[in-house]
Amino acid sequence: MITSPLIMTASERDEFKRTNVDVEARFKNLTEERDDLKRKLTNLGWEYFSGSFYYISSVEKTWPKSRADCLQKGADLVIINSKEEEEFTRKFEKRLWIGLTDLETEGTWKWVDGTPLTKSYWNSEEPNGGKWENCVETQNFHYENSWNDVSCSASHPWICEMKVRP
């Protein structure tokens, strides 16, 4: 008897159904686990936006101490990758340290992960601090371009970012 490769045997069909049920159950469990983790992080002061969790501090520290706090939380100072993310940081309506600096080489702005700055949202006439202002804060949060270079020893609140792994 000749059988078509497109026809499943009863045992193949049953195995496929069992596998499908297992996959659906695993997906349901992972979805519940994800939602539970989101709830827990939100209860600890983290806010979810577009694939990352963000922590906005309520106290002020220098840029290095702010970064250390983020790292201790398993995160880092925010790296702004899009206009939407920049708008998200402005909604908090306060000056916030972000993860951009030229401490390594004056005038060469890099994110805390070492990637170079490609898209920026500098306030007009910024950056302007030369060798004395090597860290970046958001300010003028009512305007699209709100970044300001400032001395890393100034104290400000900060925003940490923890990327959600796929």
N, C-alpha and C. Protein backbone atom coordinates (compact mmCIF):
# COMPACT_ATOMS: atom_id res chain seq x y z
N MET A 1 0.84 -1.18 0.00
CA MET A 1 0.00 0.00 0.00
C MET A 1 0.89 1.25 0.00
N ILE A 2 0.56 2.21 -0.82
CA ILE A 2 1.31 3.46 -0.90
C ILE A 2 0.58 4.50 -0.05
N THR A 3 1.34 5.19 0.83
CA THR A 3 0.74 6.24 1.65
C THR A 3 1.36 7.57 1.28
N SER A 4 0.58 8.57 1.33
CA SER A 4 1.06 9.92 1.03
C SER A 4 1.81 10.46 2.25
N PRO A 5 2.92 11.19 2.01
CA PRO A 5 3.63 11.77 3.16
C PRO A 5 2.82 12.83 3.89
N LEU A 6 1.73 13.26 3.29
CA LEU A 6 0.91 14.30 3.92
C LEU A 6 -0.15 13.71 4.85
N ILE A 7 -0.29 12.40 4.83
CA ILE A 7 -1.30 11.76 5.67
C ILE A 7 -0.63 11.28 6.96
N MET A 8 -1.22 11.67 8.10
CA MET A 8 -0.70 11.25 9.39
C MET A 8 -1.34 9.94 9.81
N THR A 9 -0.56 9.13 10.45
CA THR A 9 -1.13 7.94 11.05
C THR A 9 -1.82 8.36 12.33
N ALA A 10 -2.65 7.50 12.85
CA ALA A 10 -3.37 7.81 14.10
C ALA A 10 -2.39 8.05 15.24
N SER A 11 -1.32 7.27 15.31
CA SER A 11 -0.36 7.46 16.39
C SER A 11 0.41 8.77 16.23
N GLU A 12 0.71 9.15 14.99
CA GLU A 12 1.38 10.44 14.76
C GLU A 12 0.47 11.60 15.15
N ARG A 13 -0.82 11.47 14.80
CA ARG A 13 -1.79 12.50 15.15
C ARG A 13 -1.90 12.63 16.67
N ASP A 14 -1.98 11.51 17.36
CA ASP A 14 -2.09 11.52 18.82
C ASP A 14 -0.84 12.14 19.46
N GLU A 15 0.33 11.80 18.94
CA GLU A 15 1.58 12.38 19.45
C GLU A 15 1.61 13.89 19.22
N PHE A 16 1.17 14.31 18.05
CA PHE A 16 1.11 15.74 17.74
C PHE A 16 0.18 16.46 18.71
N LYS A 17 -0.98 15.87 18.98
CA LYS A 17 -1.93 16.48 19.93
C LYS A 17 -1.32 16.59 21.32
N ARG A 18 -0.64 15.52 21.78
CA ARG A 18 0.00 15.55 23.11
C ARG A 18 1.07 16.64 23.17
N THR A 19 1.87 16.73 22.12
CA THR A 19 2.92 17.75 22.08
C THR A 19 2.31 19.14 22.10
N ASN A 20 1.24 19.33 21.35
CA ASN A 20 0.57 20.63 21.30
C ASN A 20 0.01 21.00 22.66
N VAL A 21 -0.60 20.06 23.35
CA VAL A 21 -1.13 20.31 24.70
C VAL A 21 0.01 20.69 25.65
N ASP A 22 1.13 19.98 25.56
CA ASP A 22 2.30 20.29 26.40
C ASP A 22 2.82 21.70 26.13
N VAL A 23 2.92 22.06 24.86
CA VAL A 23 3.41 23.40 24.49
C VAL A 23 2.46 24.47 24.99
N GLU A 24 1.17 24.26 24.83
CA GLU A 24 0.19 25.23 25.31
C GLU A 24 0.25 25.39 26.83
N ALA A 25 0.43 24.30 27.54
CA ALA A 25 0.53 24.36 29.01
C ALA A 25 1.79 25.12 29.42
N ARG A 26 2.91 24.84 28.76
CA ARG A 26 4.17 25.53 29.07
C ARG A 26 4.05 27.02 28.79
N PHE A 27 3.42 27.37 27.67
CA PHE A 27 3.21 28.78 27.32
C PHE A 27 2.37 29.47 28.39
N LYS A 28 1.30 28.81 28.83
CA LYS A 28 0.43 29.38 29.87
C LYS A 28 1.22 29.59 31.16
N ASN A 29 2.03 28.61 31.55
CA ASN A 29 2.84 28.74 32.77
C ASN A 29 3.84 29.88 32.66
N LEU A 30 4.51 29.99 31.51
CA LEU A 30 5.49 31.06 31.32
C LEU A 30 4.82 32.43 31.32
N THR A 31 3.65 32.53 30.72
CA THR A 31 2.91 33.79 30.72
C THR A 31 2.53 34.19 32.14
N GLU A 32 2.06 33.24 32.93
CA GLU A 32 1.71 33.52 34.32
C GLU A 32 2.94 33.93 35.12
N GLU A 33 4.06 33.25 34.89
CA GLU A 33 5.31 33.58 35.59
C GLU A 33 5.78 34.98 35.22
N ARG A 34 5.72 35.31 33.92
CA ARG A 34 6.10 36.66 33.47
C ARG A 34 5.24 37.71 34.14
N ASP A 35 3.92 37.50 34.13
CA ASP A 35 3.01 38.48 34.73
C ASP A 35 3.25 38.63 36.22
N ASP A 36 3.56 37.53 36.90
CA ASP A 36 3.88 37.58 38.33
C ASP A 36 5.15 38.39 38.58
N LEU A 37 6.17 38.18 37.76
CA LEU A 37 7.41 38.95 37.90
C LEU A 37 7.18 40.43 37.64
N LYS A 38 6.36 40.75 36.65
CA LYS A 38 6.03 42.16 36.38
C LYS A 38 5.36 42.79 37.59
N ARG A 39 4.40 42.06 38.18
CA ARG A 39 3.71 42.58 39.37
C ARG A 39 4.69 42.83 40.51
N LYS A 40 5.58 41.87 40.75
CA LYS A 40 6.55 42.00 41.85
C LYS A 40 7.48 43.19 41.63
N LEU A 41 8.00 43.35 40.41
CA LEU A 41 8.88 44.48 40.12
C LEU A 41 8.13 45.80 40.25
N THR A 42 6.89 45.84 39.79
CA THR A 42 6.10 47.06 39.90
C THR A 42 5.89 47.42 41.37
N ASN A 43 5.64 46.42 42.20
CA ASN A 43 5.46 46.67 43.64
C ASN A 43 6.74 47.17 44.30
N LEU A 44 7.90 46.90 43.70
CA LEU A 44 9.18 47.37 44.24
C LEU A 44 9.59 48.72 43.66
N GLY A 45 8.70 49.37 42.91
CA GLY A 45 8.98 50.70 42.38
C GLY A 45 9.47 50.73 40.94
N TRP A 46 9.46 49.60 40.27
CA TRP A 46 9.87 49.55 38.87
C TRP A 46 8.66 49.78 37.98
N GLU A 47 8.89 50.37 36.81
CA GLU A 47 7.82 50.61 35.85
C GLU A 47 8.19 49.98 34.51
N TYR A 48 7.24 49.29 33.91
CA TYR A 48 7.49 48.60 32.64
C TYR A 48 7.17 49.53 31.47
N PHE A 49 8.06 49.55 30.47
CA PHE A 49 7.81 50.28 29.23
C PHE A 49 8.61 49.64 28.11
N SER A 50 7.94 49.22 27.09
CA SER A 50 8.54 48.80 25.82
C SER A 50 9.74 47.85 25.95
N GLY A 51 9.55 46.78 26.69
CA GLY A 51 10.59 45.76 26.76
C GLY A 51 11.63 45.95 27.85
N SER A 52 11.45 46.95 28.71
CA SER A 52 12.39 47.18 29.81
C SER A 52 11.61 47.58 31.06
N PHE A 53 12.25 47.36 32.21
CA PHE A 53 11.75 47.90 33.47
C PHE A 53 12.63 49.07 33.85
N TYR A 54 12.01 50.11 34.43
CA TYR A 54 12.72 51.33 34.81
C TYR A 54 12.48 51.61 36.28
N TYR A 55 13.55 52.04 36.95
CA TYR A 55 13.46 52.43 38.35
C TYR A 55 13.84 53.90 38.43
N ILE A 56 12.95 54.72 38.99
CA ILE A 56 13.22 56.15 39.14
C ILE A 56 13.46 56.41 40.61
N SER A 57 14.64 56.90 40.91
CA SER A 57 15.00 57.09 42.32
C SER A 57 14.22 58.25 42.93
N SER A 58 14.08 58.21 44.23
CA SER A 58 13.43 59.31 44.94
C SER A 58 14.45 60.13 45.73
N VAL A 59 15.70 59.70 45.70
CA VAL A 59 16.78 60.43 46.37
C VAL A 59 17.77 60.93 45.32
N GLU A 60 18.72 61.74 45.75
CA GLU A 60 19.72 62.28 44.83
C GLU A 60 21.10 61.76 45.18
N LYS A 61 21.87 61.43 44.15
CA LYS A 61 23.26 61.00 44.31
C LYS A 61 24.07 61.51 43.13
N THR A 62 25.38 61.42 43.25
CA THR A 62 26.24 61.75 42.12
C THR A 62 26.02 60.72 41.01
N TRP A 63 26.53 61.04 39.81
CA TRP A 63 26.37 60.10 38.69
C TRP A 63 27.04 58.76 39.00
N PRO A 64 28.30 58.73 39.49
CA PRO A 64 28.91 57.42 39.79
C PRO A 64 28.14 56.62 40.85
N LYS A 65 27.66 57.29 41.90
CA LYS A 65 26.90 56.58 42.94
C LYS A 65 25.53 56.14 42.42
N SER A 66 24.95 56.93 41.53
CA SER A 66 23.68 56.53 40.91
C SER A 66 23.87 55.29 40.07
N ARG A 67 24.94 55.27 39.29
CA ARG A 67 25.21 54.10 38.46
C ARG A 67 25.46 52.87 39.34
N ALA A 68 26.20 53.05 40.42
CA ALA A 68 26.47 51.93 41.33
C ALA A 68 25.17 51.37 41.89
N ASP A 69 24.22 52.25 42.20
CA ASP A 69 22.92 51.80 42.71
C ASP A 69 22.19 50.97 41.66
N CYS A 70 22.20 51.43 40.42
CA CYS A 70 21.56 50.67 39.34
C CYS A 70 22.21 49.30 39.19
N LEU A 71 23.54 49.27 39.18
CA LEU A 71 24.25 48.00 39.02
C LEU A 71 23.93 47.04 40.16
N GLN A 72 23.81 47.59 41.37
CA GLN A 72 23.47 46.77 42.54
C GLN A 72 22.07 46.16 42.38
N LYS A 73 21.21 46.84 41.63
CA LYS A 73 19.85 46.35 41.39
C LYS A 73 19.78 45.40 40.19
N GLY A 74 20.91 45.12 39.57
CA GLY A 74 20.92 44.26 38.38
C GLY A 74 20.53 45.00 37.12
N ALA A 75 20.70 46.31 37.12
CA ALA A 75 20.33 47.15 35.99
C ALA A 75 21.51 48.09 35.68
N ASP A 76 21.26 49.14 34.93
CA ASP A 76 22.26 50.18 34.69
C ASP A 76 21.50 51.47 34.42
N LEU A 77 22.22 52.59 34.43
CA LEU A 77 21.57 53.84 34.05
C LEU A 77 20.98 53.67 32.65
N VAL A 78 19.86 54.33 32.41
CA VAL A 78 19.12 54.15 31.17
C VAL A 78 19.94 54.51 29.93
N ILE A 79 19.79 53.70 28.90
CA ILE A 79 20.33 53.98 27.57
C ILE A 79 19.13 54.30 26.70
N ILE A 80 19.06 55.50 26.18
CA ILE A 80 17.89 55.94 25.42
C ILE A 80 18.09 55.59 23.95
N ASN A 81 17.27 54.65 23.47
CA ASN A 81 17.41 54.12 22.12
C ASN A 81 16.38 54.63 21.12
N SER A 82 15.40 55.41 21.58
CA SER A 82 14.35 55.85 20.66
C SER A 82 13.70 57.12 21.18
N LYS A 83 12.98 57.78 20.29
CA LYS A 83 12.24 58.98 20.67
C LYS A 83 11.20 58.63 21.74
N GLU A 84 10.57 57.46 21.59
CA GLU A 84 9.55 57.04 22.56
C GLU A 84 10.15 56.85 23.95
N GLU A 85 11.34 56.29 24.00
CA GLU A 85 12.00 56.09 25.29
C GLU A 85 12.41 57.43 25.89
N GLU A 86 12.85 58.35 25.05
CA GLU A 86 13.20 59.69 25.53
C GLU A 86 11.96 60.38 26.09
N GLU A 87 10.83 60.25 25.39
CA GLU A 87 9.58 60.83 25.88
C GLU A 87 9.16 60.18 27.20
N PHE A 88 9.37 58.89 27.32
CA PHE A 88 9.06 58.17 28.56
C PHE A 88 9.85 58.77 29.73
N THR A 89 11.14 59.06 29.54
CA THR A 89 11.94 59.61 30.63
C THR A 89 11.48 61.01 31.03
N ARG A 90 10.94 61.76 30.08
CA ARG A 90 10.49 63.13 30.38
C ARG A 90 9.21 63.15 31.19
N LYS A 91 8.44 62.08 31.14
CA LYS A 91 7.14 62.08 31.83
C LYS A 91 7.29 62.18 33.35
N PHE A 92 8.47 61.89 33.88
CA PHE A 92 8.68 61.95 35.33
C PHE A 92 8.90 63.37 35.82
N GLU A 93 9.09 64.29 34.89
CA GLU A 93 9.17 65.72 35.18
C GLU A 93 10.15 66.08 36.28
N LYS A 94 11.33 65.48 36.20
CA LYS A 94 12.41 65.89 37.09
C LYS A 94 13.73 65.59 36.41
N ARG A 95 14.75 66.27 36.88
CA ARG A 95 16.09 66.01 36.36
C ARG A 95 16.50 64.60 36.76
N LEU A 96 16.99 63.84 35.80
CA LEU A 96 17.39 62.46 36.06
C LEU A 96 18.72 62.16 35.38
N TRP A 97 19.61 61.53 36.12
CA TRP A 97 20.83 61.03 35.48
C TRP A 97 20.45 59.95 34.47
N ILE A 98 21.10 59.99 33.30
CA ILE A 98 20.96 58.91 32.33
C ILE A 98 22.35 58.32 32.08
N GLY A 99 22.42 57.23 31.36
CA GLY A 99 23.67 56.49 31.20
C GLY A 99 24.56 56.96 30.08
N LEU A 100 24.75 58.27 29.95
CA LEU A 100 25.58 58.84 28.89
C LEU A 100 26.70 59.67 29.51
N THR A 101 27.92 59.49 29.01
CA THR A 101 29.07 60.20 29.57
C THR A 101 30.18 60.34 28.53
N ASP A 102 31.03 61.33 28.74
CA ASP A 102 32.26 61.43 27.94
C ASP A 102 33.49 61.39 28.86
N LEU A 103 33.35 60.70 29.99
CA LEU A 103 34.45 60.59 30.96
C LEU A 103 35.69 59.94 30.35
N GLU A 104 35.50 58.97 29.47
CA GLU A 104 36.62 58.24 28.88
C GLU A 104 37.44 59.12 27.95
N THR A 105 36.76 59.84 27.04
CA THR A 105 37.42 60.73 26.09
C THR A 105 36.57 61.98 25.95
N GLU A 106 37.12 63.13 26.29
CA GLU A 106 36.39 64.39 26.22
C GLU A 106 35.78 64.59 24.84
N GLY A 107 34.46 64.84 24.84
CA GLY A 107 33.75 65.12 23.59
C GLY A 107 33.25 63.88 22.85
N THR A 108 33.65 62.70 23.31
CA THR A 108 33.17 61.46 22.70
C THR A 108 32.15 60.83 23.65
N TRP A 109 30.90 61.05 23.35
CA TRP A 109 29.82 60.61 24.23
C TRP A 109 29.51 59.14 23.98
N LYS A 110 29.50 58.39 25.08
CA LYS A 110 29.21 56.96 25.02
C LYS A 110 28.20 56.59 26.10
N TRP A 111 27.43 55.56 25.79
CA TRP A 111 26.51 55.01 26.77
C TRP A 111 27.27 54.10 27.73
N VAL A 112 26.65 53.79 28.85
CA VAL A 112 27.32 52.98 29.87
C VAL A 112 27.69 51.58 29.38
N ASP A 113 27.07 51.11 28.31
CA ASP A 113 27.45 49.81 27.76
C ASP A 113 28.58 49.91 26.73
N GLY A 114 29.11 51.14 26.56
CA GLY A 114 30.24 51.35 25.64
C GLY A 114 29.85 51.72 24.23
N THR A 115 28.56 51.69 23.90
CA THR A 115 28.16 52.06 22.54
C THR A 115 28.22 53.57 22.36
N PRO A 116 28.63 54.02 21.17
CA PRO A 116 28.71 55.46 20.93
C PRO A 116 27.33 56.07 20.77
N LEU A 117 27.23 57.33 21.10
CA LEU A 117 25.99 58.08 20.93
C LEU A 117 25.76 58.28 19.43
N THR A 118 24.59 57.89 18.95
CA THR A 118 24.26 58.11 17.54
C THR A 118 23.08 59.07 17.40
N LYS A 119 22.03 58.89 18.18
CA LYS A 119 20.87 59.78 18.16
C LYS A 119 20.81 60.50 19.49
N SER A 120 20.73 61.84 19.44
CA SER A 120 20.77 62.59 20.70
C SER A 120 19.57 63.51 20.82
N TYR A 121 19.33 63.94 22.05
CA TYR A 121 18.24 64.84 22.37
C TYR A 121 18.76 65.98 23.26
N TRP A 122 19.87 66.59 22.82
CA TRP A 122 20.48 67.68 23.58
C TRP A 122 19.57 68.90 23.61
N ASN A 123 19.55 69.57 24.75
CA ASN A 123 18.93 70.87 24.88
C ASN A 123 19.70 71.84 24.00
N SER A 124 19.10 72.95 23.61
CA SER A 124 19.80 73.90 22.74
C SER A 124 21.10 74.35 23.41
N GLU A 125 22.13 74.47 22.62
CA GLU A 125 23.48 74.88 23.04
C GLU A 125 24.16 73.88 23.97
N GLU A 126 23.70 72.65 23.97
CA GLU A 126 24.34 71.58 24.75
C GLU A 126 24.92 70.55 23.78
N PRO A 127 25.90 69.82 24.16
CA PRO A 127 26.68 69.92 25.40
C PRO A 127 27.61 71.13 25.36
N ASN A 128 27.81 71.74 26.51
CA ASN A 128 28.60 72.97 26.55
C ASN A 128 29.60 73.03 27.70
N GLY A 129 29.73 71.97 28.46
CA GLY A 129 30.55 72.05 29.67
C GLY A 129 32.01 71.70 29.53
N GLY A 130 32.42 71.26 28.34
CA GLY A 130 33.82 70.91 28.16
C GLY A 130 34.27 69.86 29.15
N LYS A 131 35.50 69.99 29.61
CA LYS A 131 36.07 68.95 30.47
C LYS A 131 35.47 68.93 31.88
N TRP A 132 34.66 69.91 32.22
CA TRP A 132 34.10 69.97 33.57
C TRP A 132 32.73 69.30 33.68
N GLU A 133 32.07 69.08 32.55
CA GLU A 133 30.73 68.49 32.58
C GLU A 133 30.73 67.24 31.71
N ASN A 134 30.84 66.08 32.35
CA ASN A 134 31.04 64.83 31.63
C ASN A 134 29.92 63.81 31.77
N CYS A 135 28.86 64.18 32.46
CA CYS A 135 27.73 63.27 32.64
C CYS A 135 26.46 63.98 32.17
N VAL A 136 25.41 63.21 31.94
CA VAL A 136 24.21 63.78 31.31
C VAL A 136 22.98 63.55 32.17
N GLU A 137 22.18 64.61 32.26
CA GLU A 137 20.90 64.58 32.94
C GLU A 137 19.81 64.99 31.95
N THR A 138 18.59 64.59 32.24
CA THR A 138 17.45 65.14 31.51
C THR A 138 17.01 66.38 32.28
N GLN A 139 16.58 67.37 31.57
CA GLN A 139 16.02 68.58 32.18
C GLN A 139 15.07 69.20 31.17
N ASN A 140 14.44 70.30 31.50
CA ASN A 140 13.49 70.93 30.58
C ASN A 140 12.56 69.88 29.97
N PHE A 141 11.92 69.13 30.85
CA PHE A 141 11.15 67.97 30.43
C PHE A 141 9.90 68.31 29.64
N HIS A 142 9.61 69.60 29.45
CA HIS A 142 8.47 69.99 28.63
C HIS A 142 8.86 70.11 27.16
N TYR A 143 10.14 69.94 26.87
CA TYR A 143 10.64 70.07 25.50
C TYR A 143 11.24 68.74 25.05
N GLU A 144 11.15 68.49 23.74
CA GLU A 144 11.66 67.23 23.20
C GLU A 144 13.15 67.05 23.47
N ASN A 145 13.93 68.08 23.28
CA ASN A 145 15.38 67.98 23.49
C ASN A 145 15.70 68.47 24.89
N SER A 146 15.98 67.52 25.79
CA SER A 146 16.07 67.89 27.21
C SER A 146 17.39 67.52 27.86
N TRP A 147 18.36 67.03 27.09
CA TRP A 147 19.61 66.59 27.72
C TRP A 147 20.52 67.77 28.02
N ASN A 148 21.23 67.65 29.14
CA ASN A 148 22.16 68.67 29.58
C ASN A 148 23.41 67.98 30.13
N ASP A 149 24.59 68.43 29.68
CA ASP A 149 25.80 67.90 30.30
C ASP A 149 26.07 68.68 31.58
N VAL A 150 26.51 67.97 32.60
CA VAL A 150 26.67 68.55 33.92
C VAL A 150 27.80 67.81 34.64
N SER A 151 28.33 68.42 35.66
CA SER A 151 29.39 67.77 36.45
C SER A 151 28.88 66.47 37.05
N CYS A 152 29.68 65.43 36.94
CA CYS A 152 29.30 64.11 37.48
C CYS A 152 29.18 64.13 39.00
N SER A 153 29.74 65.15 39.65
CA SER A 153 29.68 65.23 41.11
C SER A 153 28.42 65.93 41.61
N ALA A 154 27.60 66.45 40.69
CA ALA A 154 26.31 67.02 41.10
C ALA A 154 25.41 65.88 41.58
N SER A 155 24.43 66.22 42.37
CA SER A 155 23.50 65.20 42.88
C SER A 155 22.14 65.36 42.23
N HIS A 156 21.64 64.26 41.69
CA HIS A 156 20.32 64.23 41.05
C HIS A 156 19.70 62.86 41.28
N PRO A 157 18.39 62.78 41.12
CA PRO A 157 17.78 61.45 41.03
C PRO A 157 18.26 60.79 39.73
N TRP A 158 17.97 59.53 39.55
CA TRP A 158 18.44 58.82 38.36
C TRP A 158 17.39 57.84 37.90
N ILE A 159 17.60 57.32 36.70
CA ILE A 159 16.70 56.31 36.15
C ILE A 159 17.51 55.10 35.69
N CYS A 160 17.18 53.96 36.29
CA CYS A 160 17.82 52.69 35.93
C CYS A 160 16.96 51.99 34.89
N GLU A 161 17.62 51.19 34.06
CA GLU A 161 16.92 50.38 33.07
C GLU A 161 17.37 48.93 33.19
N MET A 162 16.39 48.04 33.24
CA MET A 162 16.65 46.60 33.23
C MET A 162 15.92 46.02 32.03
N LYS A 163 16.67 45.59 31.04
CA LYS A 163 16.06 45.02 29.84
C LYS A 163 15.46 43.66 30.15
N VAL A 164 14.29 43.41 29.57
CA VAL A 164 13.65 42.11 29.70
C VAL A 164 14.23 41.21 28.62
N ARG A 165 14.75 40.09 29.03
CA ARG A 165 15.33 39.15 28.05
C ARG A 165 14.23 38.37 27.37
N PRO A 166 14.35 38.21 26.04
CA PRO A 166 13.31 37.45 25.32
C PRO A 166 13.29 35.99 25.71
